[in-house]
Amino acid sequence: MLQDATAAYIRAQAGGLPSMSALSSNVSYVENDQPVDIKKGVLSQAITIDFNRSLYDTTQCATFTELSAATNKKPYVIQTRMLFTDDKITFMGSVVAKDGDWAFNATGQLYWSKQEKWDSIPQAKQDTRAVIKAAGDAYLDSWGDGTVKVPYGTPCSRLEGGSYTGGKNPTTNTCKMPEFPKPFKITNRRYVIDEELGGVDIFNDFPFIDKAKPDGTPSANLIRVEGGQIRYIHEVTAEEQR
């Protein structure tokens, strides 16, 4: 059901047709942390989708999808979380990034996303939800506390907007983030976890870019964990540079 609904979502976005059969009659639709009329939001725009990647969270009946639309007339990178009740989509929330947003470069994002290997992990080698979630949390926690030990793997590469840390050194750990000036805390974390892909996406509020929004701006971090260690990180933040 989750895979079918995700495929329907991707088709709907490609066609600009928000009337998906899996939608609940009272679905909540949010873009960049703001409620939007689903018939007027980005889902109502037909978008050329160049690449997509999804997580399926069977424990909390949720999905995550990252859409790369670099060749669209108006380029986008969209990360969407969908929640289900009784096989119906009751919530859709997206971080919608476009030209002018933090580190945005859809062409770079598409290129590097397609280079990565997100193969299914054999069941015997899959990490638990707790391990995957803890790795993601440690990464975000380290931004405000440099003493936090983050389980970075070797190699580890981070895709921030369209900039890729692993381009010149693909065999090393280039994911480590510096500690930001205090006080700094990533709040309002919302998770989608897929053990088969070792993936977690954490929607969050990023408190750094816009001083007018001290509680944070809409952001999401997609993280791949292999053997308890972080392999890939994608960050998408919907906020114009100041």
C-alpha atoms as a PDB file:
ATOM      1  CA  MET A   1       0.000   0.000   0.000  1.00  0.00           C
ATOM      2  CA  LEU A   2       2.775   2.457   0.895  1.00  0.00           C
ATOM      3  CA  GLN A   3       4.622   1.799  -2.355  1.00  0.00           C
ATOM      4  CA  ASP A   4       1.443   2.128  -4.417  1.00  0.00           C
ATOM      5  CA  ALA A   5       0.534   5.413  -2.723  1.00  0.00           C
ATOM      6  CA  THR A   6       4.049   6.758  -3.257  1.00  0.00           C
ATOM      7  CA  ALA A   7       3.955   5.842  -6.943  1.00  0.00           C
ATOM      8  CA  ALA A   8       0.584   7.599  -7.186  1.00  0.00           C
ATOM      9  CA  TYR A   9       2.055  10.682  -5.514  1.00  0.00           C
ATOM     10  CA  ILE A  10       4.939  10.813  -7.991  1.00  0.00           C
ATOM     11  CA  ARG A  11       2.507  10.490 -10.907  1.00  0.00           C
ATOM     12  CA  ALA A  12       0.297  13.193  -9.409  1.00  0.00           C
ATOM     13  CA  GLN A  13       3.224  15.587  -9.059  1.00  0.00           C
ATOM     14  CA  ALA A  14       4.399  14.872 -12.595  1.00  0.00           C
ATOM     15  CA  GLY A  15       0.924  15.571 -13.920  1.00  0.00           C
ATOM     16  CA  GLY A  16      -0.003  18.431 -11.615  1.00  0.00           C
ATOM     17  CA  LEU A  17      -3.060  16.468 -10.503  1.00  0.00           C
ATOM     18  CA  PRO A  18      -3.588  16.650  -6.727  1.00  0.00           C
ATOM     19  CA  SER A  19      -6.759  14.537  -6.732  1.00  0.00           C
ATOM     20  CA  MET A  20      -5.148  11.244  -5.682  1.00  0.00           C
ATOM     21  CA  SER A  21      -7.478   8.365  -4.844  1.00  0.00           C
ATOM     22  CA  ALA A  22      -5.524   7.577  -1.662  1.00  0.00           C
ATOM     23  CA  LEU A  23      -6.117  11.048  -0.198  1.00  0.00           C
ATOM     24  CA  SER A  24      -8.341  11.274   2.847  1.00  0.00           C
ATOM     25  CA  SER A  25     -11.239  13.684   2.470  1.00  0.00           C
ATOM     26  CA  ASN A  26      -9.786  15.759   5.310  1.00  0.00           C
ATOM     27  CA  VAL A  27      -6.096  15.517   4.393  1.00  0.00           C
ATOM     28  CA  SER A  28      -3.787  18.135   5.894  1.00  0.00           C
ATOM     29  CA  TYR A  29      -1.446  19.586   3.274  1.00  0.00           C
ATOM     30  CA  VAL A  30       1.604  21.633   4.282  1.00  0.00           C
ATOM     31  CA  GLU A  31       4.452  23.234   2.310  1.00  0.00           C
ATOM     32  CA  ASN A  32       7.475  24.671   4.109  1.00  0.00           C
ATOM     33  CA  ASP A  33       5.644  24.443   7.435  1.00  0.00           C
ATOM     34  CA  GLN A  34       2.655  26.441   6.169  1.00  0.00           C
ATOM     35  CA  PRO A  35      -0.850  25.024   5.526  1.00  0.00           C
ATOM     36  CA  VAL A  36      -1.680  25.317   1.827  1.00  0.00           C
ATOM     37  CA  ASP A  37      -4.729  24.535  -0.291  1.00  0.00           C
ATOM     38  CA  ILE A  38      -3.696  21.293  -1.987  1.00  0.00           C
ATOM     39  CA  LYS A  39      -5.318  22.520  -5.211  1.00  0.00           C
ATOM     40  CA  LYS A  40      -3.084  25.607  -5.217  1.00  0.00           C
ATOM     41  CA  GLY A  41       0.220  24.213  -3.938  1.00  0.00           C
ATOM     42  CA  VAL A  42       3.185  22.773  -5.800  1.00  0.00           C
ATOM     43  CA  LEU A  43       1.298  19.485  -6.217  1.00  0.00           C
ATOM     44  CA  SER A  44      -1.031  21.286  -8.636  1.00  0.00           C
ATOM     45  CA  GLN A  45       1.928  22.066 -10.937  1.00  0.00           C
ATOM     46  CA  ALA A  46       2.997  19.553 -13.575  1.00  0.00           C
ATOM     47  CA  ILE A  47       6.704  19.051 -12.888  1.00  0.00           C
ATOM     48  CA  THR A  48       9.348  17.185 -14.872  1.00  0.00           C
ATOM     49  CA  ILE A  49      10.775  14.707 -12.362  1.00  0.00           C
ATOM     50  CA  ASP A  50      14.289  13.579 -13.240  1.00  0.00           C
ATOM     51  CA  PHE A  51      14.909  11.291 -10.277  1.00  0.00           C
ATOM     52  CA  ASN A  52      13.167  10.108  -7.153  1.00  0.00           C
ATOM     53  CA  ARG A  53      13.990   8.117  -4.043  1.00  0.00           C
ATOM     54  CA  SER A  54      11.590   6.920  -1.339  1.00  0.00           C
ATOM     55  CA  LEU A  55      11.541   5.435   2.155  1.00  0.00           C
ATOM     56  CA  TYR A  56       8.718   3.233   3.446  1.00  0.00           C
ATOM     57  CA  ASP A  57       8.080   3.229   7.177  1.00  0.00           C
ATOM     58  CA  THR A  58       5.860   0.227   7.870  1.00  0.00           C
ATOM     59  CA  THR A  59       5.984   0.761  11.641  1.00  0.00           C
ATOM     60  CA  GLN A  60       4.333   4.170  11.710  1.00  0.00           C
ATOM     61  CA  CYS A  61       2.631   3.827   8.294  1.00  0.00           C
ATOM     62  CA  ALA A  62       4.454   6.702   6.661  1.00  0.00           C
ATOM     63  CA  THR A  63       6.484   7.429   3.548  1.00  0.00           C
ATOM     64  CA  PHE A  64       9.187   9.827   2.464  1.00  0.00           C
ATOM     65  CA  THR A  65       9.999  10.819  -1.111  1.00  0.00           C
ATOM     66  CA  GLU A  66      12.752  13.014  -2.518  1.00  0.00           C
ATOM     67  CA  LEU A  67      12.046  14.459  -5.967  1.00  0.00           C
ATOM     68  CA  SER A  68      14.769  15.975  -8.148  1.00  0.00           C
ATOM     69  CA  ALA A  69      13.400  18.264 -10.861  1.00  0.00           C
ATOM     70  CA  ALA A  70      16.498  19.855 -12.373  1.00  0.00           C
ATOM     71  CA  THR A  71      15.254  20.004 -15.969  1.00  0.00           C
ATOM     72  CA  ASN A  72      11.869  21.413 -15.059  1.00  0.00           C
ATOM     73  CA  LYS A  73      11.269  24.954 -16.369  1.00  0.00           C
ATOM     74  CA  LYS A  74      11.345  26.037 -12.723  1.00  0.00           C
ATOM     75  CA  PRO A  75      13.804  23.671 -10.988  1.00  0.00           C
ATOM     76  CA  TYR A  76      12.811  22.122  -7.677  1.00  0.00           C
ATOM     77  CA  VAL A  77      14.049  19.692  -5.069  1.00  0.00           C
ATOM     78  CA  ILE A  78      11.108  18.461  -3.018  1.00  0.00           C
ATOM     79  CA  GLN A  79      11.147  16.249   0.056  1.00  0.00           C
ATOM     80  CA  THR A  80       7.710  14.963   1.065  1.00  0.00           C
ATOM     81  CA  ARG A  81       6.458  13.067   4.107  1.00  0.00           C
ATOM     82  CA  MET A  82       3.086  11.307   3.968  1.00  0.00           C
ATOM     83  CA  LEU A  83       1.211   9.834   6.940  1.00  0.00           C
ATOM     84  CA  PHE A  84      -1.564   7.264   6.614  1.00  0.00           C
ATOM     85  CA  THR A  85      -4.606   6.187   8.616  1.00  0.00           C
ATOM     86  CA  ASP A  86      -6.733   3.251   7.447  1.00  0.00           C
ATOM     87  CA  ASP A  87      -4.832   3.198   4.135  1.00  0.00           C
ATOM     88  CA  LYS A  88      -5.655   6.842   3.417  1.00  0.00           C
ATOM     89  CA  ILE A  89      -3.235   9.774   3.285  1.00  0.00           C
ATOM     90  CA  THR A  90      -4.177  12.022   6.186  1.00  0.00           C
ATOM     91  CA  PHE A  91      -1.108  14.279   6.090  1.00  0.00           C
ATOM     92  CA  MET A  92       1.251  15.492   3.367  1.00  0.00           C
ATOM     93  CA  GLY A  93       4.099  17.792   4.303  1.00  0.00           C
ATOM     94  CA  SER A  94       6.853  18.975   1.956  1.00  0.00           C
ATOM     95  CA  VAL A  95      10.038  20.989   2.053  1.00  0.00           C
ATOM     96  CA  VAL A  96       9.955  22.659  -1.357  1.00  0.00           C
ATOM     97  CA  ALA A  97      13.303  24.146  -2.385  1.00  0.00           C
ATOM     98  CA  LYS A  98      13.818  26.335  -5.436  1.00  0.00           C
ATOM     99  CA  ASP A  99      16.223  28.890  -6.888  1.00  0.00           C
ATOM    100  CA  GLY A 100      17.325  31.340  -4.208  1.00  0.00           C
ATOM    101  CA  ASP A 101      16.994  28.869  -1.339  1.00  0.00           C
ATOM    102  CA  TRP A 102      19.954  27.835   0.781  1.00  0.00           C
ATOM    103  CA  ALA A 103      22.720  26.213  -1.345  1.00  0.00           C
ATOM    104  CA  PHE A 104      20.141  25.358  -4.007  1.00  0.00           C
ATOM    105  CA  ASN A 105      21.441  23.782  -7.197  1.00  0.00           C
ATOM    106  CA  ALA A 106      19.044  21.239  -8.669  1.00  0.00           C
ATOM    107  CA  THR A 107      21.496  20.173 -11.375  1.00  0.00           C
ATOM    108  CA  GLY A 108      24.176  19.316  -8.824  1.00  0.00           C
ATOM    109  CA  GLN A 109      21.636  17.670  -6.534  1.00  0.00           C
ATOM    110  CA  LEU A 110      20.405  15.466  -9.377  1.00  0.00           C
ATOM    111  CA  TYR A 111      23.894  14.515 -10.553  1.00  0.00           C
ATOM    112  CA  TRP A 112      25.179  13.448  -7.163  1.00  0.00           C
ATOM    113  CA  SER A 113      21.957  11.735  -6.102  1.00  0.00           C
ATOM    114  CA  LYS A 114      22.175   9.477  -9.128  1.00  0.00           C
ATOM    115  CA  GLN A 115      25.776   8.501  -8.280  1.00  0.00           C
ATOM    116  CA  GLU A 116      24.866   7.130  -4.861  1.00  0.00           C
ATOM    117  CA  LYS A 117      24.026   3.491  -4.121  1.00  0.00           C
ATOM    118  CA  TRP A 118      20.952   3.041  -1.958  1.00  0.00           C
ATOM    119  CA  ASP A 119      20.497  -0.681  -2.514  1.00  0.00           C
ATOM    120  CA  SER A 120      18.297  -2.740  -0.224  1.00  0.00           C
ATOM    121  CA  ILE A 121      20.211  -4.109   2.758  1.00  0.00           C
ATOM    122  CA  PRO A 122      19.894  -7.872   3.424  1.00  0.00           C
ATOM    123  CA  GLN A 123      17.685  -8.474   6.437  1.00  0.00           C
ATOM    124  CA  ALA A 124      20.476 -10.060   8.469  1.00  0.00           C
ATOM    125  CA  LYS A 125      22.559  -6.898   8.066  1.00  0.00           C
ATOM    126  CA  GLN A 126      19.827  -4.333   8.623  1.00  0.00           C
ATOM    127  CA  ASP A 127      20.169  -1.926  11.524  1.00  0.00           C
ATOM    128  CA  THR A 128      17.300  -1.499  13.955  1.00  0.00           C
ATOM    129  CA  ARG A 129      15.067   1.543  13.895  1.00  0.00           C
ATOM    130  CA  ALA A 130      16.672   2.694  17.127  1.00  0.00           C
ATOM    131  CA  VAL A 131      20.190   2.544  15.662  1.00  0.00           C
ATOM    132  CA  ILE A 132      19.176   4.380  12.486  1.00  0.00           C
ATOM    133  CA  LYS A 133      17.303   7.072  14.407  1.00  0.00           C
ATOM    134  CA  ALA A 134      20.157   7.502  16.896  1.00  0.00           C
ATOM    135  CA  ALA A 135      22.650   8.039  14.070  1.00  0.00           C
ATOM    136  CA  GLY A 136      20.480  10.753  12.559  1.00  0.00           C
ATOM    137  CA  ASP A 137      19.897  12.417  15.910  1.00  0.00           C
ATOM    138  CA  ALA A 138      23.608  12.375  16.747  1.00  0.00           C
ATOM    139  CA  TYR A 139      24.370  14.125  13.473  1.00  0.00           C
ATOM    140  CA  LEU A 140      21.861  16.899  14.173  1.00  0.00           C
ATOM    141  CA  ASP A 141      22.852  17.134  17.845  1.00  0.00           C
ATOM    142  CA  SER A 142      26.514  17.624  16.909  1.00  0.00           C
ATOM    143  CA  TRP A 143      25.706  20.939  15.244  1.00  0.00           C
ATOM    144  CA  GLY A 144      25.070  22.443  18.650  1.00  0.00           C
ATOM    145  CA  ASP A 145      27.471  20.288  20.675  1.00  0.00           C
ATOM    146  CA  GLY A 146      30.805  19.363  19.138  1.00  0.00           C
ATOM    147  CA  THR A 147      31.425  16.707  21.797  1.00  0.00           C
ATOM    148  CA  VAL A 148      28.635  14.488  20.451  1.00  0.00           C
ATOM    149  CA  LYS A 149      30.101  11.381  18.836  1.00  0.00           C
ATOM    150  CA  VAL A 150      28.526  10.909  15.424  1.00  0.00           C
ATOM    151  CA  PRO A 151      28.835   7.431  13.832  1.00  0.00           C
ATOM    152  CA  TYR A 152      30.276   8.609  10.537  1.00  0.00           C
ATOM    153  CA  GLY A 153      31.339   5.860   8.201  1.00  0.00           C
ATOM    154  CA  THR A 154      34.311   5.806   5.860  1.00  0.00           C
ATOM    155  CA  PRO A 155      33.422   6.838   3.269  1.00  0.00           C
ATOM    156  CA  CYS A 156      30.679   9.333   4.120  1.00  0.00           C
ATOM    157  CA  SER A 157      29.434  12.032   1.756  1.00  0.00           C
ATOM    158  CA  ARG A 158      27.055  14.937   2.333  1.00  0.00           C
ATOM    159  CA  LEU A 159      24.870  16.575  -0.320  1.00  0.00           C
ATOM    160  CA  GLU A 160      23.920  20.047   0.910  1.00  0.00           C
ATOM    161  CA  GLY A 161      21.639  21.647  -1.617  1.00  0.00           C
ATOM    162  CA  GLY A 162      23.635  20.920  -4.762  1.00  0.00           C
ATOM    163  CA  SER A 163      27.102  20.857  -3.174  1.00  0.00           C
ATOM    164  CA  TYR A 164      28.687  17.437  -2.597  1.00  0.00           C
ATOM    165  CA  THR A 165      31.455  16.942  -0.078  1.00  0.00           C
ATOM    166  CA  GLY A 166      32.559  13.619  -1.530  1.00  0.00           C
ATOM    167  CA  GLY A 167      33.297  14.803  -5.042  1.00  0.00           C
ATOM    168  CA  LYS A 168      37.071  15.127  -4.662  1.00  0.00           C
ATOM    169  CA  ASN A 169      37.552  12.587  -1.861  1.00  0.00           C
ATOM    170  CA  PRO A 170      34.984   9.820  -2.439  1.00  0.00           C
ATOM    171  CA  THR A 171      36.755   7.265  -0.224  1.00  0.00           C
ATOM    172  CA  THR A 172      36.984   9.367   2.947  1.00  0.00           C
ATOM    173  CA  ASN A 173      34.619  10.805   5.545  1.00  0.00           C
ATOM    174  CA  THR A 174      33.725  14.308   4.408  1.00  0.00           C
ATOM    175  CA  CYS A 175      30.444  14.547   6.336  1.00  0.00           C
ATOM    176  CA  LYS A 176      31.583  16.110   9.597  1.00  0.00           C
ATOM    177  CA  MET A 177      29.915  19.402  10.385  1.00  0.00           C
ATOM    178  CA  PRO A 178      31.446  22.157  12.522  1.00  0.00           C
ATOM    179  CA  GLU A 179      29.762  23.245  15.724  1.00  0.00           C
ATOM    180  CA  PHE A 180      27.534  26.278  15.215  1.00  0.00           C
ATOM    181  CA  PRO A 181      27.608  29.274  17.583  1.00  0.00           C
ATOM    182  CA  LYS A 182      25.565  28.605  20.712  1.00  0.00           C
ATOM    183  CA  PRO A 183      22.775  28.460  21.567  1.00  0.00           C
ATOM    184  CA  PHE A 184      21.929  26.109  18.715  1.00  0.00           C
ATOM    185  CA  LYS A 185      19.401  23.296  18.807  1.00  0.00           C
ATOM    186  CA  ILE A 186      17.541  21.466  16.056  1.00  0.00           C
ATOM    187  CA  THR A 187      13.904  21.196  17.125  1.00  0.00           C
ATOM    188  CA  ASN A 188      10.564  19.881  15.862  1.00  0.00           C
ATOM    189  CA  ARG A 189      12.065  16.660  14.512  1.00  0.00           C
ATOM    190  CA  ARG A 190       9.743  14.377  12.552  1.00  0.00           C
ATOM    191  CA  TYR A 191      10.993  10.991  11.350  1.00  0.00           C
ATOM    192  CA  VAL A 192      10.433   8.481   8.577  1.00  0.00           C
ATOM    193  CA  ILE A 193      12.555   5.336   8.984  1.00  0.00           C
ATOM    194  CA  ASP A 194      13.107   2.473   6.531  1.00  0.00           C
ATOM    195  CA  GLU A 195      15.209  -0.393   7.866  1.00  0.00           C
ATOM    196  CA  GLU A 196      15.511  -2.093   4.474  1.00  0.00           C
ATOM    197  CA  LEU A 197      17.242   0.942   2.966  1.00  0.00           C
ATOM    198  CA  GLY A 198      18.933   1.978   6.211  1.00  0.00           C
ATOM    199  CA  GLY A 199      17.290   5.325   5.702  1.00  0.00           C
ATOM    200  CA  VAL A 200      15.893   8.019   7.943  1.00  0.00           C
ATOM    201  CA  ASP A 201      14.554  11.379   6.933  1.00  0.00           C
ATOM    202  CA  ILE A 202      14.294  13.977   9.673  1.00  0.00           C
ATOM    203  CA  PHE A 203      12.123  17.002   8.999  1.00  0.00           C
ATOM    204  CA  ASN A 204      13.231  19.767  11.342  1.00  0.00           C
ATOM    205  CA  ASP A 205      13.504  23.477  12.031  1.00  0.00           C
ATOM    206  CA  PHE A 206      16.961  24.879  11.252  1.00  0.00           C
ATOM    207  CA  PRO A 207      17.762  27.862  13.530  1.00  0.00           C
ATOM    208  CA  PHE A 208      20.584  29.664  11.803  1.00  0.00           C
ATOM    209  CA  ILE A 209      19.831  31.174   8.421  1.00  0.00           C
ATOM    210  CA  ASP A 210      17.013  33.634   9.114  1.00  0.00           C
ATOM    211  CA  LYS A 211      17.229  35.823  12.221  1.00  0.00           C
ATOM    212  CA  ALA A 212      13.563  36.705  11.751  1.00  0.00           C
ATOM    213  CA  LYS A 213      12.743  33.042  12.415  1.00  0.00           C
ATOM    214  CA  PRO A 214      14.663  32.179  15.594  1.00  0.00           C
ATOM    215  CA  ASP A 215      12.780  28.902  15.991  1.00  0.00           C
ATOM    216  CA  GLY A 216      14.095  27.733  12.643  1.00  0.00           C
ATOM    217  CA  THR A 217      13.326  27.436   8.960  1.00  0.00           C
ATOM    218  CA  PRO A 218      11.903  24.388   7.117  1.00  0.00           C
ATOM    219  CA  SER A 219      14.607  21.804   6.544  1.00  0.00           C
ATOM    220  CA  ALA A 220      14.979  18.060   6.057  1.00  0.00           C
ATOM    221  CA  ASN A 221      17.900  15.662   6.291  1.00  0.00           C
ATOM    222  CA  LEU A 222      17.871  12.325   4.483  1.00  0.00           C
ATOM    223  CA  ILE A 223      20.457   9.937   5.921  1.00  0.00           C
ATOM    224  CA  ARG A 224      21.624   6.474   4.874  1.00  0.00           C
ATOM    225  CA  VAL A 225      23.036   4.235   7.630  1.00  0.00           C
ATOM    226  CA  GLU A 226      25.014   1.062   6.883  1.00  0.00           C
ATOM    227  CA  GLY A 227      26.258  -1.173   9.684  1.00  0.00           C
ATOM    228  CA  GLY A 228      25.457   1.506  12.235  1.00  0.00           C
ATOM    229  CA  GLN A 229      27.492   4.154  10.398  1.00  0.00           C
ATOM    230  CA  ILE A 230      26.367   7.083   8.284  1.00  0.00           C
ATOM    231  CA  ARG A 231      27.105   6.688   4.572  1.00  0.00           C
ATOM    232  CA  TYR A 232      25.135   9.496   2.909  1.00  0.00           C
ATOM    233  CA  ILE A 233      23.465  12.723   4.023  1.00  0.00           C
ATOM    234  CA  HIS A 234      21.169  14.942   1.961  1.00  0.00           C
ATOM    235  CA  GLU A 235      20.094  18.329   3.264  1.00  0.00           C
ATOM    236  CA  VAL A 236      17.317  20.440   1.764  1.00  0.00           C
ATOM    237  CA  THR A 237      16.458  23.812   3.308  1.00  0.00           C
ATOM    238  CA  ALA A 238      13.741  26.102   1.992  1.00  0.00           C
ATOM    239  CA  GLU A 239      15.006  29.525   2.906  1.00  0.00           C
ATOM    240  CA  GLU A 240      16.478  32.298   0.818  1.00  0.00           C
ATOM    241  CA  GLN A 241      20.044  33.229   1.666  1.00  0.00           C
ATOM    242  CA  ARG A 242      20.388  36.329   3.820  1.00  0.00           C
END
